[in-house]
N, C-alpha and C. Protein backbone atom coordinates (compact mmCIF):
# COMPACT_ATOMS: atom_id res chain seq x y z
N MET A 1 96.08 117.09 106.12
CA MET A 1 95.56 115.85 105.57
C MET A 1 94.04 115.85 105.68
N THR A 2 93.43 115.44 104.65
CA THR A 2 91.97 115.37 104.66
C THR A 2 91.51 114.04 105.26
N THR A 3 90.25 114.01 105.62
CA THR A 3 89.73 112.78 106.22
C THR A 3 89.68 111.64 105.21
N GLY A 4 89.46 111.96 103.94
CA GLY A 4 89.45 110.91 102.91
C GLY A 4 90.81 110.25 102.77
N LEU A 5 91.86 111.04 102.84
CA LEU A 5 93.21 110.49 102.74
C LEU A 5 93.55 109.65 103.97
N ILE A 6 93.15 110.12 105.13
CA ILE A 6 93.40 109.36 106.36
C ILE A 6 92.66 108.02 106.32
N LEU A 7 91.42 108.05 105.86
CA LEU A 7 90.65 106.81 105.75
C LEU A 7 91.29 105.86 104.74
N TRP A 8 91.73 106.38 103.61
CA TRP A 8 92.37 105.55 102.59
C TRP A 8 93.65 104.92 103.14
N LEU A 9 94.46 105.70 103.86
CA LEU A 9 95.69 105.16 104.44
C LEU A 9 95.39 104.09 105.50
N ALA A 10 94.39 104.35 106.33
CA ALA A 10 94.04 103.38 107.38
C ALA A 10 93.54 102.07 106.77
N LEU A 11 92.72 102.17 105.74
CA LEU A 11 92.21 100.95 105.10
C LEU A 11 93.31 100.20 104.36
N THR A 12 94.24 100.93 103.78
CA THR A 12 95.37 100.29 103.10
C THR A 12 96.24 99.54 104.10
N TRP A 13 96.55 100.18 105.21
CA TRP A 13 97.36 99.52 106.23
C TRP A 13 96.62 98.33 106.84
N ALA A 14 95.32 98.46 106.99
CA ALA A 14 94.53 97.34 107.52
C ALA A 14 94.58 96.15 106.56
N GLN A 15 94.46 96.41 105.27
CA GLN A 15 94.53 95.31 104.30
C GLN A 15 95.91 94.66 104.28
N ILE A 16 96.95 95.46 104.41
CA ILE A 16 98.30 94.90 104.44
C ILE A 16 98.49 94.04 105.69
N ALA A 17 98.04 94.53 106.83
CA ALA A 17 98.18 93.78 108.08
C ALA A 17 97.36 92.49 108.04
N LEU A 18 96.16 92.55 107.49
CA LEU A 18 95.34 91.35 107.39
C LEU A 18 95.92 90.34 106.41
N ALA A 19 96.51 90.81 105.33
CA ALA A 19 97.15 89.89 104.38
C ALA A 19 98.36 89.22 105.03
N LEU A 20 99.11 89.97 105.82
CA LEU A 20 100.24 89.39 106.53
C LEU A 20 99.78 88.37 107.56
N ALA A 21 98.71 88.69 108.28
CA ALA A 21 98.16 87.74 109.25
C ALA A 21 97.63 86.48 108.56
N ALA A 22 97.04 86.64 107.39
CA ALA A 22 96.56 85.47 106.64
C ALA A 22 97.73 84.60 106.18
N CYS A 23 98.83 85.22 105.80
CA CYS A 23 100.02 84.44 105.41
C CYS A 23 100.56 83.64 106.59
N PHE A 24 100.61 84.27 107.77
CA PHE A 24 101.08 83.56 108.96
C PHE A 24 100.13 82.44 109.37
N SER A 25 98.84 82.66 109.21
CA SER A 25 97.90 81.60 109.56
C SER A 25 97.96 80.45 108.55
N CYS A 26 98.24 80.75 107.28
CA CYS A 26 98.46 79.68 106.30
C CYS A 26 99.71 78.87 106.65
N LEU A 27 100.72 79.56 107.13
CA LEU A 27 101.93 78.86 107.56
C LEU A 27 101.61 77.92 108.72
N ARG A 28 100.81 78.39 109.67
CA ARG A 28 100.42 77.54 110.80
C ARG A 28 99.52 76.40 110.34
N LEU A 29 98.69 76.68 109.35
CA LEU A 29 97.78 75.66 108.84
C LEU A 29 98.54 74.52 108.17
N PHE A 30 99.56 74.84 107.39
CA PHE A 30 100.29 73.81 106.66
C PHE A 30 101.44 73.19 107.46
N LYS A 31 102.03 73.96 108.37
CA LYS A 31 103.20 73.50 109.09
C LYS A 31 102.87 72.91 110.46
N GLY A 32 101.75 73.31 111.04
CA GLY A 32 101.40 72.94 112.40
C GLY A 32 101.72 71.51 112.77
N PRO A 33 102.43 71.29 113.86
CA PRO A 33 102.81 69.91 114.18
C PRO A 33 101.64 69.05 114.64
N ARG A 34 100.61 69.66 115.20
CA ARG A 34 99.46 68.89 115.67
C ARG A 34 98.21 69.31 114.91
N ALA A 35 97.19 68.50 115.02
CA ALA A 35 95.93 68.82 114.36
C ALA A 35 95.26 70.05 114.99
N GLN A 36 95.47 70.24 116.28
CA GLN A 36 94.89 71.41 116.94
C GLN A 36 95.49 72.71 116.40
N ASP A 37 96.78 72.69 116.09
CA ASP A 37 97.42 73.86 115.50
C ASP A 37 96.85 74.16 114.12
N ARG A 38 96.54 73.12 113.38
CA ARG A 38 95.96 73.31 112.05
C ARG A 38 94.55 73.88 112.14
N VAL A 39 93.78 73.46 113.14
CA VAL A 39 92.43 74.00 113.33
C VAL A 39 92.51 75.47 113.72
N ILE A 40 93.44 75.83 114.57
CA ILE A 40 93.61 77.23 114.95
C ILE A 40 94.04 78.06 113.75
N GLY A 41 94.93 77.51 112.91
CA GLY A 41 95.33 78.21 111.69
C GLY A 41 94.16 78.43 110.75
N LEU A 42 93.31 77.42 110.61
CA LEU A 42 92.13 77.55 109.76
C LEU A 42 91.15 78.58 110.33
N ASP A 43 90.98 78.56 111.63
CA ASP A 43 90.08 79.51 112.29
C ASP A 43 90.57 80.94 112.09
N THR A 44 91.86 81.15 112.25
CA THR A 44 92.43 82.48 112.05
C THR A 44 92.36 82.89 110.59
N LEU A 45 92.53 81.94 109.68
CA LEU A 45 92.48 82.25 108.25
C LEU A 45 91.09 82.71 107.83
N TYR A 46 90.04 82.03 108.28
CA TYR A 46 88.71 82.48 107.88
C TYR A 46 88.36 83.80 108.56
N PHE A 47 88.88 84.03 109.76
CA PHE A 47 88.64 85.32 110.42
C PHE A 47 89.33 86.45 109.65
N CYS A 48 90.54 86.21 109.18
CA CYS A 48 91.24 87.22 108.37
C CYS A 48 90.52 87.46 107.05
N ALA A 49 90.01 86.40 106.44
CA ALA A 49 89.26 86.56 105.19
C ALA A 49 87.99 87.36 105.41
N MET A 50 87.34 87.10 106.53
CA MET A 50 86.12 87.83 106.85
C MET A 50 86.42 89.32 107.05
N LEU A 51 87.49 89.63 107.76
CA LEU A 51 87.85 91.03 107.98
C LEU A 51 88.34 91.70 106.70
N MET A 52 89.01 90.94 105.83
CA MET A 52 89.41 91.52 104.54
C MET A 52 88.20 91.91 103.71
N LEU A 53 87.14 91.11 103.76
CA LEU A 53 85.91 91.47 103.06
C LEU A 53 85.28 92.72 103.65
N VAL A 54 85.32 92.86 104.96
CA VAL A 54 84.76 94.05 105.60
C VAL A 54 85.56 95.30 105.22
N VAL A 55 86.88 95.19 105.23
CA VAL A 55 87.72 96.34 104.87
C VAL A 55 87.53 96.69 103.39
N THR A 56 87.42 95.69 102.54
CA THR A 56 87.17 95.95 101.12
C THR A 56 85.82 96.62 100.91
N GLY A 57 84.82 96.18 101.66
CA GLY A 57 83.50 96.82 101.58
C GLY A 57 83.54 98.26 102.06
N ALA A 58 84.33 98.53 103.09
CA ALA A 58 84.46 99.91 103.56
C ALA A 58 85.20 100.76 102.55
N ARG A 59 86.18 100.17 101.89
CA ARG A 59 86.95 100.93 100.90
C ARG A 59 86.10 101.25 99.67
N LEU A 60 85.32 100.28 99.20
CA LEU A 60 84.52 100.49 98.00
C LEU A 60 83.17 101.13 98.29
N GLY A 61 82.74 101.08 99.53
CA GLY A 61 81.47 101.69 99.91
C GLY A 61 80.25 100.90 99.48
N THR A 62 80.38 99.59 99.35
CA THR A 62 79.25 98.75 98.97
C THR A 62 78.90 97.81 100.11
N PRO A 63 77.61 97.55 100.32
CA PRO A 63 77.21 96.67 101.42
C PRO A 63 77.29 95.18 101.07
N PHE A 64 77.60 94.84 99.84
CA PHE A 64 77.61 93.43 99.43
C PHE A 64 78.73 92.64 100.12
N PHE A 65 79.82 93.30 100.39
CA PHE A 65 80.94 92.62 101.02
C PHE A 65 80.63 92.26 102.47
N TYR A 66 79.78 93.04 103.12
CA TYR A 66 79.42 92.73 104.50
C TYR A 66 78.60 91.45 104.57
N GLU A 67 77.70 91.28 103.62
CA GLU A 67 76.92 90.05 103.58
C GLU A 67 77.81 88.84 103.29
N ALA A 68 78.75 89.02 102.40
CA ALA A 68 79.68 87.92 102.10
C ALA A 68 80.55 87.59 103.31
N SER A 69 80.92 88.61 104.08
CA SER A 69 81.72 88.34 105.27
C SER A 69 80.92 87.58 106.32
N MET A 70 79.63 87.84 106.40
CA MET A 70 78.80 87.08 107.34
C MET A 70 78.69 85.61 106.91
N VAL A 71 78.59 85.37 105.62
CA VAL A 71 78.54 83.99 105.12
C VAL A 71 79.85 83.28 105.43
N VAL A 72 80.97 83.95 105.20
CA VAL A 72 82.28 83.36 105.51
C VAL A 72 82.39 83.08 107.00
N GLY A 73 81.88 83.98 107.82
CA GLY A 73 81.93 83.78 109.27
C GLY A 73 81.12 82.58 109.72
N VAL A 74 79.92 82.42 109.18
CA VAL A 74 79.07 81.28 109.56
C VAL A 74 79.68 79.97 109.09
N VAL A 75 80.16 79.94 107.86
CA VAL A 75 80.77 78.71 107.33
C VAL A 75 82.04 78.37 108.12
N GLY A 76 82.84 79.38 108.44
CA GLY A 76 84.04 79.14 109.23
C GLY A 76 83.74 78.66 110.63
N PHE A 77 82.69 79.20 111.24
CA PHE A 77 82.30 78.75 112.57
C PHE A 77 81.87 77.29 112.55
N VAL A 78 81.08 76.93 111.56
CA VAL A 78 80.63 75.54 111.45
C VAL A 78 81.83 74.62 111.20
N ALA A 79 82.77 75.05 110.38
CA ALA A 79 83.96 74.23 110.12
C ALA A 79 84.80 74.06 111.38
N THR A 80 84.92 75.11 112.18
CA THR A 80 85.69 75.02 113.41
C THR A 80 85.03 74.09 114.41
N VAL A 81 83.72 74.20 114.56
CA VAL A 81 82.99 73.32 115.48
C VAL A 81 83.08 71.87 115.02
N THR A 82 82.96 71.64 113.73
CA THR A 82 83.06 70.28 113.20
C THR A 82 84.45 69.70 113.41
N ALA A 83 85.47 70.50 113.17
CA ALA A 83 86.84 70.01 113.38
C ALA A 83 87.11 69.74 114.86
N ALA A 84 86.60 70.59 115.73
CA ALA A 84 86.79 70.37 117.17
C ALA A 84 86.07 69.10 117.62
N LYS A 85 84.87 68.88 117.12
CA LYS A 85 84.14 67.66 117.48
C LYS A 85 84.86 66.43 116.96
N PHE A 86 85.42 66.52 115.77
CA PHE A 86 86.16 65.39 115.22
C PHE A 86 87.41 65.11 116.04
N LEU A 87 88.10 66.16 116.49
CA LEU A 87 89.31 65.96 117.28
C LEU A 87 89.01 65.39 118.66
N ILE A 88 87.87 65.76 119.22
CA ILE A 88 87.53 65.27 120.56
C ILE A 88 87.01 63.84 120.52
N ARG A 89 86.06 63.56 119.62
CA ARG A 89 85.38 62.27 119.62
C ARG A 89 85.87 61.30 118.55
N GLY A 90 86.52 61.80 117.54
CA GLY A 90 87.00 60.92 116.48
C GLY A 90 86.00 60.69 115.37
N GLU A 91 84.80 61.25 115.49
CA GLU A 91 83.80 61.14 114.45
C GLU A 91 82.94 62.40 114.47
N VAL A 92 82.40 62.74 113.33
CA VAL A 92 81.59 63.95 113.24
C VAL A 92 80.13 63.63 113.46
N ILE A 93 79.64 62.59 112.80
CA ILE A 93 78.23 62.20 112.92
C ILE A 93 78.15 60.98 113.83
N GLU A 94 77.31 61.08 114.83
CA GLU A 94 77.20 59.97 115.79
C GLU A 94 76.22 58.93 115.32
């Protein structure tokens, strides 16, 4: 087996695993009995989306996907902090 084939197989399996993890996090996001479970599902979903962009960038060999993954990461972090603050205090802006 050549290194190109091994890399292609590894990236394919990574994309499949990340898609499966994203499906499970969507299930937790929509089904979660508490609001905290929904926040964790959203946090995991944006993390899976960020990693899918990184794997796609590695597969295509373009650096544009890495920048997009950083934007998704920052937006997801802000959304998680905002949701946590809302759950703790009941309001976002004081």
